[in-house]
Amino acid sequence: MNRIKEYLNDIIESIEKIEKYTKGMTYHEYAEDNKTIDGVERNFIKLGDIINRISKDFQKTHNSIPWKEMVSIRNVLTHEYKEVKDEIVWNTTKDDLPKTKAMIKKIVEKI
């Protein structure tokens, strides 16, 4: 279980980096800032890589976390990068990641 906790803490760390990189920005500022886009996308890729190391059984047990969706974003960023829509990454960053981080923190507290 220690390894799972380590992975979950790594996920929290990547989400917090994304939040830090985009703090105080508007979508338009984000869309014009290639360094921030690169940092955010790099951490989304890292999220997907970490999730791929977490057992499917653990993911099924904690099915309120959007595991598949986060891996899907990673896959698009890695393999279909020309199809990436900045607005989707932005909306996920602002709308979904804070909720996901809170849920993962609750899991970590119970482990």
Protein backbone atom coordinates (compact mmCIF):
# COMPACT_ATOMS: atom_id res chain seq x y z
CA MET A 1 0.00 0.00 0.00
CA ASN A 2 2.99 2.32 0.48
CA ARG A 3 3.64 2.33 -3.25
CA ILE A 4 0.03 3.31 -3.95
CA LYS A 5 0.29 6.13 -1.42
CA GLU A 6 3.49 7.29 -3.11
CA TYR A 7 1.77 7.29 -6.51
CA LEU A 8 -1.20 9.21 -5.14
CA ASN A 9 1.11 11.80 -3.59
CA ASP A 10 2.90 12.11 -6.95
CA ILE A 11 -0.49 12.78 -8.57
CA ILE A 12 -1.25 15.47 -6.01
CA GLU A 13 2.16 17.03 -6.63
CA SER A 14 1.58 17.16 -10.41
CA ILE A 15 -1.87 18.68 -9.95
CA GLU A 16 -0.41 21.30 -7.61
CA LYS A 17 2.25 22.17 -10.19
CA ILE A 18 -0.46 22.64 -12.82
CA GLU A 19 -2.41 24.85 -10.39
CA LYS A 20 0.72 26.88 -9.61
CA TYR A 21 1.59 27.35 -13.29
CA THR A 22 -1.91 28.60 -14.15
CA LYS A 23 -2.69 30.57 -10.99
CA GLY A 24 -4.13 33.99 -11.77
CA MET A 25 -4.20 33.39 -15.51
CA THR A 26 -7.11 33.77 -17.87
CA TYR A 27 -7.65 31.28 -20.65
CA HIS A 28 -6.35 33.79 -23.19
CA GLU A 29 -3.16 34.38 -21.21
CA TYR A 30 -2.69 30.63 -20.94
CA ALA A 31 -3.28 30.07 -24.66
CA GLU A 32 -0.59 32.64 -25.50
CA ASP A 33 2.02 31.31 -23.03
CA ASN A 34 3.86 28.38 -24.61
CA LYS A 35 6.03 27.79 -21.54
CA THR A 36 2.99 27.40 -19.32
CA ILE A 37 1.28 25.17 -21.87
CA ASP A 38 4.38 22.98 -22.01
CA GLY A 39 4.56 22.74 -18.20
CA VAL A 40 0.88 21.95 -17.84
CA GLU A 41 0.89 19.37 -20.61
CA ARG A 42 4.05 17.74 -19.20
CA ASN A 43 2.31 17.28 -15.86
CA PHE A 44 -0.82 15.87 -17.49
CA ILE A 45 1.42 13.32 -19.22
CA LYS A 46 3.04 12.53 -15.88
CA LEU A 47 -0.42 12.08 -14.30
CA GLY A 48 -1.34 9.52 -16.93
CA ASP A 49 1.96 7.69 -16.51
CA ILE A 50 1.50 7.47 -12.75
CA ILE A 51 -2.09 6.27 -13.08
CA ASN A 52 -0.96 3.53 -15.44
CA ARG A 53 1.15 2.17 -12.56
CA ILE A 54 -1.83 1.98 -10.19
CA SER A 55 -3.60 -1.38 -10.22
CA LYS A 56 -6.94 -1.64 -11.98
CA ASP A 57 -8.39 -3.16 -8.80
CA PHE A 58 -7.45 -0.05 -6.82
CA GLN A 59 -8.90 2.16 -9.55
CA LYS A 60 -12.16 0.16 -9.54
CA THR A 61 -12.37 0.45 -5.76
CA HIS A 62 -11.98 4.23 -6.05
CA ASN A 63 -14.09 4.73 -9.15
CA SER A 64 -15.08 8.31 -8.29
CA ILE A 65 -11.64 9.39 -9.53
CA PRO A 66 -11.61 10.00 -13.30
CA TRP A 67 -8.68 7.62 -13.89
CA LYS A 68 -9.55 6.77 -17.49
CA GLU A 69 -10.15 10.38 -18.44
CA MET A 70 -6.77 11.48 -17.09
CA VAL A 71 -5.02 8.67 -18.96
CA SER A 72 -6.96 9.64 -22.09
CA ILE A 73 -5.65 13.21 -21.86
CA ARG A 74 -2.13 11.82 -21.46
CA ASN A 75 -2.58 9.65 -24.54
CA VAL A 76 -3.82 12.53 -26.67
CA LEU A 77 -0.98 14.78 -25.51
CA THR A 78 1.58 12.07 -26.19
CA HIS A 79 0.33 10.47 -29.40
CA GLU A 80 -2.06 12.93 -31.02
CA TYR A 81 -0.45 16.21 -30.00
CA LYS A 82 -1.64 17.99 -33.14
CA GLU A 83 -5.21 17.32 -32.01
CA VAL A 84 -4.75 18.94 -28.58
CA LYS A 85 -7.21 21.69 -27.85
CA ASP A 86 -5.84 24.22 -25.36
CA GLU A 87 -9.36 25.01 -24.19
CA ILE A 88 -10.01 21.41 -23.15
CA VAL A 89 -6.75 21.26 -21.20
CA TRP A 90 -7.59 24.62 -19.61
CA ASN A 91 -11.13 23.62 -18.64
CA THR A 92 -9.90 20.35 -17.19
CA THR A 93 -7.25 22.26 -15.24
CA LYS A 94 -9.71 24.73 -13.76
CA ASP A 95 -12.87 22.61 -13.43
CA ASP A 96 -11.80 19.03 -12.81
CA LEU A 97 -8.36 18.93 -11.24
CA PRO A 98 -9.25 20.70 -7.97
CA LYS A 99 -12.06 18.20 -7.32
CA THR A 100 -9.86 15.28 -8.29
CA LYS A 101 -7.07 16.50 -6.02
CA ALA A 102 -9.48 16.77 -3.07
CA MET A 103 -10.76 13.22 -3.65
CA ILE A 104 -7.25 11.82 -3.89
CA LYS A 105 -6.20 13.62 -0.71
CA LYS A 106 -9.10 11.92 1.12
CA ILE A 107 -7.93 8.53 -0.13
CA VAL A 108 -4.36 9.24 0.99
CA GLU A 109 -5.61 10.17 4.48
CA LYS A 110 -7.33 6.77 4.77
CA ILE A 111 -4.32 4.74 3.65
